[in-house]
Amino acid sequence: MIISAASFPTPDLIKRVNNPAVWDQQGRFASLQAAAANSALTRMSTLLDAAATKAQRMQLFADTYRDLAEWRYQLARRDEGEGPSATAELCRTRIGRGAVLDPFGAAHLFGDDPSTPGSRLSARLGNFIRMRLETELPGAAELRNIVVRPDDSTIGGNFLIRGELAHEYGFPGHYAGTFCTVTGELADRTALQRDAFGLVADLEEQRAAGRTDLLDDPEAQQAFRTAQYYLYQGPEYRRGSDATLRVLQATLHTRVFGAPPALPQDIDVVAYVAGQQTFDDYLKRNQSILQPAPDPTTTGTLDRPAQETQHQRNGGLERG
């Protein structure tokens, strides 16, 4: 089952100019993502065929995630030159006990053109966070996503905050007027990632046992959508996670369901700002299934850990 560039539509959030030629250039990144997904799928499938336990399958999924973080680092390093690059290094630097902040809001807050797709989406996301704060916790400056786990217990996800509160999370920049997401605590993120891989491991076990109808099983589909939310609420890396997680999701989906997904262009940021049920409903409407493409391409990698710091992304628009 081969994954194509169609699985990876260009995110509106990176379209900061109204220039179709630039958008076309940005769209070429989808082919690199497809190549990475096909390579990961080939390697992972070979190892999964020999896996005998749920724990082994979960470890293979975690290894694939880390391999893809290294792939994203290598791409960033290539784009920025062969020398050392602090920005590229963030692609394989774990968040650890630190945090990552993403600000959203009106274009004038970031000095951007308000008519671009990226600016319009950032404004909508800022308004969405504002509305959640006003309706769910009137008068509050912060709200935490509460995530339901597979055993029906709950755990803390990421934080939604007014920009004026950013300094309390260790971010010294000027965020007045914005609305931000801040990654959750390390223990919670680790647990959510483990839960995500556990759900996919259960689906893989059913596939390995001979089930061929998982793609038509609503419960199996919901389990995978839940795993997608967990992955976004439990990110591991400081930069590049949006692309890394898209490639990982396409790889896992193609393995367990036998067909690649067409991921929504704004899947990552919707997962950051939305509650669990809202995100699930959004995926039902916006995520679809593709026919496999004809040819695989390859890429390969390994990753290593790095130090823990706070990290913020520029204007809510630095993605991929």
Foldseek 3Di string as FASTA:
>chain_A
DAFALLQAQAFLQQFQDPDVVVNVVSSVVSRVLRQLLLALLVVLVVQLLVDDDLVSQLVSLVQSLQFLLFVQLVVVCVVVDVDDDPVSVLSQAWQAQAKEKFWAAACVLQVTDCPGSSRVVSNVLQVLLVVCCCPVPNPDFKDWFWAQFPVRDIDTFKMKGAQVCVVVRPDPDDRHPIIMIMADGQVLLVVLQSRLSSLLSVLLVVVSVPDQCLVVDPVNVLSNLSSLLSCLRRPTGHAQRVSSSSSSSQNSCCNRNVWGKNDASCLNSCSRRDHDVVSSVVCVPGMGTDHHDDDHHHDTGHGDYDDHDYYYDRHSRRHD
